[in-house]
Amino acid sequence: MVMESNPRKRKIALLATFGLILLAVILALIAPEEKTLGGNIRLIYLHAAITWVGLIMFVASGLLGLLYFIGFLAPGKSAIQSIKDTLVTWSSAGQSTATIFWVGHLTLGAIGAYVIWGGTWWHEPRLRVATLILLMAVVTVLVRSMVENKSLWAALNFGLPALAFLLLLKTGKIFHPNNAFAASDSFAIKFFAGLITLVFIVAALALMSVFTSMLREQEAKA
């Protein structure tokens, strides 16, 4: 996750991210079909994995933001300043990564709602809320780019996922299934769903390292 401000290493990490995404797509293409959805389940493999990884990155970003504030309570504040700076950098990089994955979640979710269930994204409450979360995430990224205040960064990084989860918990579903893979009786389907998710987790960590490097470069120029 940690990468110094090195353009060459950043390029390698970015290429690795694209390579891992391609690997996930290939795994989805060769993964077993499901008797009801048929080949359309390949879209769900990708959508579910990207959604889970996006949520994981949002949670990680929020927890790192919270740890930044806990640092204020520790003795010897000057001694832990560098740790706090690292935490808020990781938190911000994690949230930027989560935002990218959330774009994928919303895009595949809208396609899936139309292709599989014959609906549109504005008919599905989860997708409407996902759109709102994406807009809030984009605003958060823009604010971080304009305001050099790490306490504000940490607060936004914690507040966004907290609000997002509250919205998701209170939102009903029309087309969206409840964790279809967990309910499946097929070990092969569960295996591929888990494997694709794992590949996307590694891709997210590679992308997070790119954002971390960019933030450190930005700080060095400030």
C-alpha atoms as a PDB file:
ATOM      1  CA  MET A   1       0.000   0.000   0.000  1.00  0.00           C
ATOM      2  CA  VAL A   2       2.897   2.350   0.724  1.00  0.00           C
ATOM      3  CA  MET A   3       4.694   3.819  -2.297  1.00  0.00           C
ATOM      4  CA  GLU A   4       7.105   6.697  -2.399  1.00  0.00           C
ATOM      5  CA  SER A   5       6.505   9.467  -4.932  1.00  0.00           C
ATOM      6  CA  ASN A   6       8.078   7.614  -7.863  1.00  0.00           C
ATOM      7  CA  PRO A   7       6.526   8.014 -11.326  1.00  0.00           C
ATOM      8  CA  ARG A   8       7.993   4.732 -12.584  1.00  0.00           C
ATOM      9  CA  LYS A   9       6.643   2.702  -9.657  1.00  0.00           C
ATOM     10  CA  ARG A  10       3.335   4.505  -9.981  1.00  0.00           C
ATOM     11  CA  LYS A  11       3.117   3.521 -13.646  1.00  0.00           C
ATOM     12  CA  ILE A  12       3.877  -0.102 -12.770  1.00  0.00           C
ATOM     13  CA  ALA A  13       1.178  -0.091 -10.084  1.00  0.00           C
ATOM     14  CA  LEU A  14      -1.307   1.421 -12.536  1.00  0.00           C
ATOM     15  CA  LEU A  15      -0.489  -1.209 -15.160  1.00  0.00           C
ATOM     16  CA  ALA A  16      -0.875  -3.899 -12.491  1.00  0.00           C
ATOM     17  CA  THR A  17      -4.309  -2.484 -11.651  1.00  0.00           C
ATOM     18  CA  PHE A  18      -5.458  -2.724 -15.262  1.00  0.00           C
ATOM     19  CA  GLY A  19      -3.962  -6.208 -15.559  1.00  0.00           C
ATOM     20  CA  LEU A  20      -5.811  -7.409 -12.478  1.00  0.00           C
ATOM     21  CA  ILE A  21      -9.087  -5.922 -13.726  1.00  0.00           C
ATOM     22  CA  LEU A  22      -8.572  -7.768 -17.018  1.00  0.00           C
ATOM     23  CA  LEU A  23      -7.889 -10.972 -15.057  1.00  0.00           C
ATOM     24  CA  ALA A  24     -11.142 -10.503 -13.128  1.00  0.00           C
ATOM     25  CA  VAL A  25     -13.059 -10.086 -16.391  1.00  0.00           C
ATOM     26  CA  ILE A  26     -11.474 -13.260 -17.803  1.00  0.00           C
ATOM     27  CA  LEU A  27     -12.387 -15.178 -14.637  1.00  0.00           C
ATOM     28  CA  ALA A  28     -15.977 -13.940 -14.948  1.00  0.00           C
ATOM     29  CA  LEU A  29     -16.096 -15.138 -18.560  1.00  0.00           C
ATOM     30  CA  ILE A  30     -14.958 -18.661 -17.680  1.00  0.00           C
ATOM     31  CA  ALA A  31     -16.946 -18.870 -14.424  1.00  0.00           C
ATOM     32  CA  PRO A  32     -19.917 -21.286 -14.303  1.00  0.00           C
ATOM     33  CA  GLU A  33     -23.347 -20.127 -15.386  1.00  0.00           C
ATOM     34  CA  GLU A  34     -26.448 -20.228 -13.224  1.00  0.00           C
ATOM     35  CA  LYS A  35     -29.651 -22.044 -14.214  1.00  0.00           C
ATOM     36  CA  THR A  36     -31.905 -18.978 -13.849  1.00  0.00           C
ATOM     37  CA  LEU A  37     -29.628 -16.171 -15.010  1.00  0.00           C
ATOM     38  CA  GLY A  38     -27.634 -18.202 -17.510  1.00  0.00           C
ATOM     39  CA  GLY A  39     -24.712 -16.271 -18.988  1.00  0.00           C
ATOM     40  CA  ASN A  40     -25.967 -13.023 -17.460  1.00  0.00           C
ATOM     41  CA  ILE A  41     -24.478 -14.139 -14.162  1.00  0.00           C
ATOM     42  CA  ARG A  42     -21.085 -13.090 -15.543  1.00  0.00           C
ATOM     43  CA  LEU A  43     -22.196  -9.493 -15.187  1.00  0.00           C
ATOM     44  CA  ILE A  44     -23.281 -10.207 -11.605  1.00  0.00           C
ATOM     45  CA  TYR A  45     -19.895 -11.773 -10.779  1.00  0.00           C
ATOM     46  CA  LEU A  46     -18.226  -8.471 -11.670  1.00  0.00           C
ATOM     47  CA  HIS A  47     -20.906  -6.223 -10.189  1.00  0.00           C
ATOM     48  CA  ALA A  48     -20.980  -8.026  -6.833  1.00  0.00           C
ATOM     49  CA  ALA A  49     -17.185  -8.118  -6.519  1.00  0.00           C
ATOM     50  CA  ILE A  50     -16.733  -4.446  -7.419  1.00  0.00           C
ATOM     51  CA  THR A  51     -19.517  -3.487  -5.004  1.00  0.00           C
ATOM     52  CA  TRP A  52     -18.000  -5.386  -2.089  1.00  0.00           C
ATOM     53  CA  VAL A  53     -14.515  -4.024  -2.746  1.00  0.00           C
ATOM     54  CA  GLY A  54     -15.880  -0.484  -3.050  1.00  0.00           C
ATOM     55  CA  LEU A  55     -17.630  -0.872   0.297  1.00  0.00           C
ATOM     56  CA  ILE A  56     -14.491  -2.360   1.881  1.00  0.00           C
ATOM     57  CA  MET A  57     -12.413   0.591   0.675  1.00  0.00           C
ATOM     58  CA  PHE A  58     -14.981   3.071   1.994  1.00  0.00           C
ATOM     59  CA  VAL A  59     -14.898   1.359   5.402  1.00  0.00           C
ATOM     60  CA  ALA A  60     -11.082   1.256   5.446  1.00  0.00           C
ATOM     61  CA  SER A  61     -10.953   4.943   4.525  1.00  0.00           C
ATOM     62  CA  GLY A  62     -13.390   5.822   7.300  1.00  0.00           C
ATOM     63  CA  LEU A  63     -11.522   3.814   9.924  1.00  0.00           C
ATOM     64  CA  LEU A  64      -8.201   5.403   8.941  1.00  0.00           C
ATOM     65  CA  GLY A  65      -9.848   8.816   9.185  1.00  0.00           C
ATOM     66  CA  LEU A  66     -11.119   7.919  12.662  1.00  0.00           C
ATOM     67  CA  LEU A  67      -7.641   6.780  13.713  1.00  0.00           C
ATOM     68  CA  TYR A  68      -6.312  10.163  12.647  1.00  0.00           C
ATOM     69  CA  PHE A  69      -8.581  11.856  15.205  1.00  0.00           C
ATOM     70  CA  ILE A  70      -7.764   9.296  17.890  1.00  0.00           C
ATOM     71  CA  GLY A  71      -4.173  10.453  17.453  1.00  0.00           C
ATOM     72  CA  PHE A  72      -5.148  13.786  19.015  1.00  0.00           C
ATOM     73  CA  LEU A  73      -5.832  11.963  22.273  1.00  0.00           C
ATOM     74  CA  ALA A  74      -2.399  10.347  22.442  1.00  0.00           C
ATOM     75  CA  PRO A  75       0.437  11.916  24.475  1.00  0.00           C
ATOM     76  CA  GLY A  76       3.386  13.421  22.657  1.00  0.00           C
ATOM     77  CA  LYS A  77       1.457  14.792  19.726  1.00  0.00           C
ATOM     78  CA  SER A  78       4.539  16.023  17.882  1.00  0.00           C
ATOM     79  CA  ALA A  79       6.041  12.524  17.947  1.00  0.00           C
ATOM     80  CA  ILE A  80       3.025  10.979  16.231  1.00  0.00           C
ATOM     81  CA  GLN A  81       2.444  13.743  13.681  1.00  0.00           C
ATOM     82  CA  SER A  82       4.128  11.769  10.915  1.00  0.00           C
ATOM     83  CA  ILE A  83       1.933   8.755  11.727  1.00  0.00           C
ATOM     84  CA  LYS A  84      -1.173  10.948  11.598  1.00  0.00           C
ATOM     85  CA  ASP A  85      -0.063  12.375   8.253  1.00  0.00           C
ATOM     86  CA  THR A  86       0.377   8.852   6.920  1.00  0.00           C
ATOM     87  CA  LEU A  87      -3.054   7.821   8.210  1.00  0.00           C
ATOM     88  CA  VAL A  88      -4.845  10.713   6.538  1.00  0.00           C
ATOM     89  CA  THR A  89      -2.935  10.111   3.301  1.00  0.00           C
ATOM     90  CA  TRP A  90      -3.912   6.429   3.287  1.00  0.00           C
ATOM     91  CA  SER A  91      -7.462   7.386   4.228  1.00  0.00           C
ATOM     92  CA  SER A  92      -7.730   9.856   1.344  1.00  0.00           C
ATOM     93  CA  ALA A  93      -6.137   7.437  -1.119  1.00  0.00           C
ATOM     94  CA  GLY A  94      -8.535   4.730   0.053  1.00  0.00           C
ATOM     95  CA  GLN A  95     -11.531   6.964  -0.479  1.00  0.00           C
ATOM     96  CA  SER A  96     -10.394   7.945  -3.978  1.00  0.00           C
ATOM     97  CA  THR A  97     -10.014   4.234  -4.745  1.00  0.00           C
ATOM     98  CA  ALA A  98     -13.470   3.513  -3.319  1.00  0.00           C
ATOM     99  CA  THR A  99     -14.925   6.256  -5.521  1.00  0.00           C
ATOM    100  CA  ILE A 100     -13.456   4.672  -8.664  1.00  0.00           C
ATOM    101  CA  PHE A 101     -14.903   1.286  -7.698  1.00  0.00           C
ATOM    102  CA  TRP A 102     -18.233   2.918  -6.883  1.00  0.00           C
ATOM    103  CA  VAL A 103     -18.404   4.226 -10.445  1.00  0.00           C
ATOM    104  CA  GLY A 104     -18.002   0.614 -11.581  1.00  0.00           C
ATOM    105  CA  HIS A 105     -20.666  -0.529  -9.116  1.00  0.00           C
ATOM    106  CA  LEU A 106     -23.171   2.032 -10.364  1.00  0.00           C
ATOM    107  CA  THR A 107     -22.405   1.385 -14.041  1.00  0.00           C
ATOM    108  CA  LEU A 108     -22.661  -2.410 -13.839  1.00  0.00           C
ATOM    109  CA  GLY A 109     -25.663  -2.154 -11.542  1.00  0.00           C
ATOM    110  CA  ALA A 110     -27.536   0.003 -14.065  1.00  0.00           C
ATOM    111  CA  ILE A 111     -26.638  -2.378 -16.901  1.00  0.00           C
ATOM    112  CA  GLY A 112     -27.648  -5.398 -14.828  1.00  0.00           C
ATOM    113  CA  ALA A 113     -30.981  -3.859 -13.835  1.00  0.00           C
ATOM    114  CA  TYR A 114     -31.813  -3.285 -17.500  1.00  0.00           C
ATOM    115  CA  VAL A 115     -30.411  -6.473 -19.071  1.00  0.00           C
ATOM    116  CA  ILE A 116     -31.408  -8.995 -16.389  1.00  0.00           C
ATOM    117  CA  TRP A 117     -34.516  -7.542 -14.741  1.00  0.00           C
ATOM    118  CA  GLY A 118     -35.764  -5.205 -17.462  1.00  0.00           C
ATOM    119  CA  GLY A 119     -35.708  -2.166 -15.200  1.00  0.00           C
ATOM    120  CA  THR A 120     -33.862   1.143 -15.222  1.00  0.00           C
ATOM    121  CA  TRP A 121     -31.534   2.518 -12.586  1.00  0.00           C
ATOM    122  CA  TRP A 122     -34.009   5.163 -11.370  1.00  0.00           C
ATOM    123  CA  HIS A 123     -36.567   2.430 -10.635  1.00  0.00           C
ATOM    124  CA  GLU A 124     -34.171   0.677  -8.247  1.00  0.00           C
ATOM    125  CA  PRO A 125     -33.860   2.494  -4.871  1.00  0.00           C
ATOM    126  CA  ARG A 126     -30.394   1.022  -4.223  1.00  0.00           C
ATOM    127  CA  LEU A 127     -29.067   2.480  -7.458  1.00  0.00           C
ATOM    128  CA  ARG A 128     -30.613   5.891  -6.773  1.00  0.00           C
ATOM    129  CA  VAL A 129     -28.927   5.947  -3.371  1.00  0.00           C
ATOM    130  CA  ALA A 130     -25.681   4.676  -4.945  1.00  0.00           C
ATOM    131  CA  THR A 131     -25.828   7.676  -7.303  1.00  0.00           C
ATOM    132  CA  LEU A 132     -26.205  10.031  -4.341  1.00  0.00           C
ATOM    133  CA  ILE A 133     -23.239   8.369  -2.593  1.00  0.00           C
ATOM    134  CA  LEU A 134     -21.138   8.751  -5.741  1.00  0.00           C
ATOM    135  CA  LEU A 135     -21.980  12.453  -5.975  1.00  0.00           C
ATOM    136  CA  MET A 136     -20.997  12.929  -2.310  1.00  0.00           C
ATOM    137  CA  ALA A 137     -17.752  11.031  -2.927  1.00  0.00           C
ATOM    138  CA  VAL A 138     -16.892  13.213  -5.929  1.00  0.00           C
ATOM    139  CA  VAL A 139     -17.571  16.356  -3.875  1.00  0.00           C
ATOM    140  CA  THR A 140     -15.312  14.982  -1.125  1.00  0.00           C
ATOM    141  CA  VAL A 141     -12.470  14.399  -3.585  1.00  0.00           C
ATOM    142  CA  LEU A 142     -12.918  17.907  -5.021  1.00  0.00           C
ATOM    143  CA  VAL A 143     -12.891  19.501  -1.555  1.00  0.00           C
ATOM    144  CA  ARG A 144      -9.680  17.640  -0.674  1.00  0.00           C
ATOM    145  CA  SER A 145      -8.073  18.920  -3.879  1.00  0.00           C
ATOM    146  CA  MET A 146      -8.988  22.536  -3.046  1.00  0.00           C
ATOM    147  CA  VAL A 147      -8.555  22.699   0.738  1.00  0.00           C
ATOM    148  CA  GLU A 148      -5.248  21.778   2.368  1.00  0.00           C
ATOM    149  CA  ASN A 149      -6.612  20.867   5.794  1.00  0.00           C
ATOM    150  CA  LYS A 150      -5.892  17.309   6.931  1.00  0.00           C
ATOM    151  CA  SER A 151      -8.349  17.429   9.809  1.00  0.00           C
ATOM    152  CA  LEU A 152     -11.074  18.300   7.299  1.00  0.00           C
ATOM    153  CA  TRP A 153      -9.869  15.493   5.012  1.00  0.00           C
ATOM    154  CA  ALA A 154     -10.081  12.971   7.853  1.00  0.00           C
ATOM    155  CA  ALA A 155     -13.537  14.222   8.868  1.00  0.00           C
ATOM    156  CA  LEU A 156     -14.846  13.909   5.306  1.00  0.00           C
ATOM    157  CA  ASN A 157     -13.221  10.505   4.871  1.00  0.00           C
ATOM    158  CA  PHE A 158     -14.960   9.243   8.012  1.00  0.00           C
ATOM    159  CA  GLY A 159     -18.263  11.015   7.488  1.00  0.00           C
ATOM    160  CA  LEU A 160     -18.893   9.880   3.917  1.00  0.00           C
ATOM    161  CA  PRO A 161     -18.845   6.094   4.524  1.00  0.00           C
ATOM    162  CA  ALA A 162     -20.771   6.518   7.787  1.00  0.00           C
ATOM    163  CA  LEU A 163     -23.523   8.417   5.958  1.00  0.00           C
ATOM    164  CA  ALA A 164     -23.386   6.017   2.999  1.00  0.00           C
ATOM    165  CA  PHE A 165     -23.989   2.980   5.186  1.00  0.00           C
ATOM    166  CA  LEU A 166     -26.874   4.686   6.978  1.00  0.00           C
ATOM    167  CA  LEU A 167     -28.470   5.441   3.607  1.00  0.00           C
ATOM    168  CA  LEU A 168     -27.938   1.884   2.332  1.00  0.00           C
ATOM    169  CA  LEU A 169     -29.368   0.343   5.507  1.00  0.00           C
ATOM    170  CA  LYS A 170     -32.540   2.420   5.190  1.00  0.00           C
ATOM    171  CA  THR A 171     -33.014   1.814   1.463  1.00  0.00           C
ATOM    172  CA  GLY A 172     -35.302  -0.912   0.149  1.00  0.00           C
ATOM    173  CA  LYS A 173     -34.854  -3.054  -2.958  1.00  0.00           C
ATOM    174  CA  ILE A 174     -36.975  -3.839  -6.004  1.00  0.00           C
ATOM    175  CA  PHE A 175     -34.749  -5.698  -8.456  1.00  0.00           C
ATOM    176  CA  HIS A 176     -31.631  -6.028  -6.322  1.00  0.00           C
ATOM    177  CA  PRO A 177     -31.230  -9.543  -4.805  1.00  0.00           C
ATOM    178  CA  ASN A 178     -30.034 -10.226  -1.265  1.00  0.00           C
ATOM    179  CA  ASN A 179     -26.502 -11.650  -1.567  1.00  0.00           C
ATOM    180  CA  ALA A 180     -27.359 -14.149  -4.312  1.00  0.00           C
ATOM    181  CA  PHE A 181     -23.965 -15.852  -4.229  1.00  0.00           C
ATOM    182  CA  ALA A 182     -24.187 -16.696  -0.529  1.00  0.00           C
ATOM    183  CA  ALA A 183     -27.579 -18.297  -1.154  1.00  0.00           C
ATOM    184  CA  SER A 184     -26.289 -20.381  -4.069  1.00  0.00           C
ATOM    185  CA  ASP A 185     -25.951 -24.156  -3.654  1.00  0.00           C
ATOM    186  CA  SER A 186     -23.086 -24.293  -6.173  1.00  0.00           C
ATOM    187  CA  PHE A 187     -19.596 -24.422  -4.691  1.00  0.00           C
ATOM    188  CA  ALA A 188     -18.106 -23.512  -8.084  1.00  0.00           C
ATOM    189  CA  ILE A 189     -20.188 -20.334  -8.310  1.00  0.00           C
ATOM    190  CA  LYS A 190     -19.224 -19.320  -4.775  1.00  0.00           C
ATOM    191  CA  PHE A 191     -15.568 -20.113  -5.482  1.00  0.00           C
ATOM    192  CA  PHE A 192     -15.409 -17.937  -8.595  1.00  0.00           C
ATOM    193  CA  ALA A 193     -17.335 -15.137  -6.886  1.00  0.00           C
ATOM    194  CA  GLY A 194     -14.808 -15.168  -4.041  1.00  0.00           C
ATOM    195  CA  LEU A 195     -11.816 -15.434  -6.390  1.00  0.00           C
ATOM    196  CA  ILE A 196     -12.965 -12.513  -8.526  1.00  0.00           C
ATOM    197  CA  THR A 197     -13.532 -10.440  -5.386  1.00  0.00           C
ATOM    198  CA  LEU A 198     -10.017 -11.286  -4.188  1.00  0.00           C
ATOM    199  CA  VAL A 199      -8.527 -10.181  -7.511  1.00  0.00           C
ATOM    200  CA  PHE A 200     -10.386  -6.877  -7.267  1.00  0.00           C
ATOM    201  CA  ILE A 201      -9.124  -6.389  -3.693  1.00  0.00           C
ATOM    202  CA  VAL A 202      -5.538  -6.694  -4.919  1.00  0.00           C
ATOM    203  CA  ALA A 203      -6.362  -4.322  -7.789  1.00  0.00           C
ATOM    204  CA  ALA A 204      -7.814  -1.841  -5.282  1.00  0.00           C
ATOM    205  CA  LEU A 205      -4.649  -1.965  -3.165  1.00  0.00           C
ATOM    206  CA  ALA A 206      -2.525  -1.351  -6.265  1.00  0.00           C
ATOM    207  CA  LEU A 207      -4.702   1.608  -7.237  1.00  0.00           C
ATOM    208  CA  MET A 208      -4.609   2.902  -3.666  1.00  0.00           C
ATOM    209  CA  SER A 209      -0.820   2.895  -3.824  1.00  0.00           C
ATOM    210  CA  VAL A 210      -1.025   5.078  -6.941  1.00  0.00           C
ATOM    211  CA  PHE A 211      -3.253   7.611  -5.164  1.00  0.00           C
ATOM    212  CA  THR A 212      -0.987   7.498  -2.102  1.00  0.00           C
ATOM    213  CA  SER A 213       2.017   8.335  -4.267  1.00  0.00           C
ATOM    214  CA  MET A 214       0.150  11.185  -5.959  1.00  0.00           C
ATOM    215  CA  LEU A 215      -0.898  12.673  -2.609  1.00  0.00           C
ATOM    216  CA  ARG A 216       2.651  12.514  -1.261  1.00  0.00           C
ATOM    217  CA  GLU A 217       3.940  14.191  -4.396  1.00  0.00           C
ATOM    218  CA  GLN A 218       1.289  16.878  -3.962  1.00  0.00           C
ATOM    219  CA  GLU A 219       2.357  17.399  -0.337  1.00  0.00           C
ATOM    220  CA  ALA A 220       6.037  17.627  -1.311  1.00  0.00           C
ATOM    221  CA  LYS A 221       5.252  20.410  -3.786  1.00  0.00           C
ATOM    222  CA  ALA A 222       3.123  22.344  -1.304  1.00  0.00           C
END
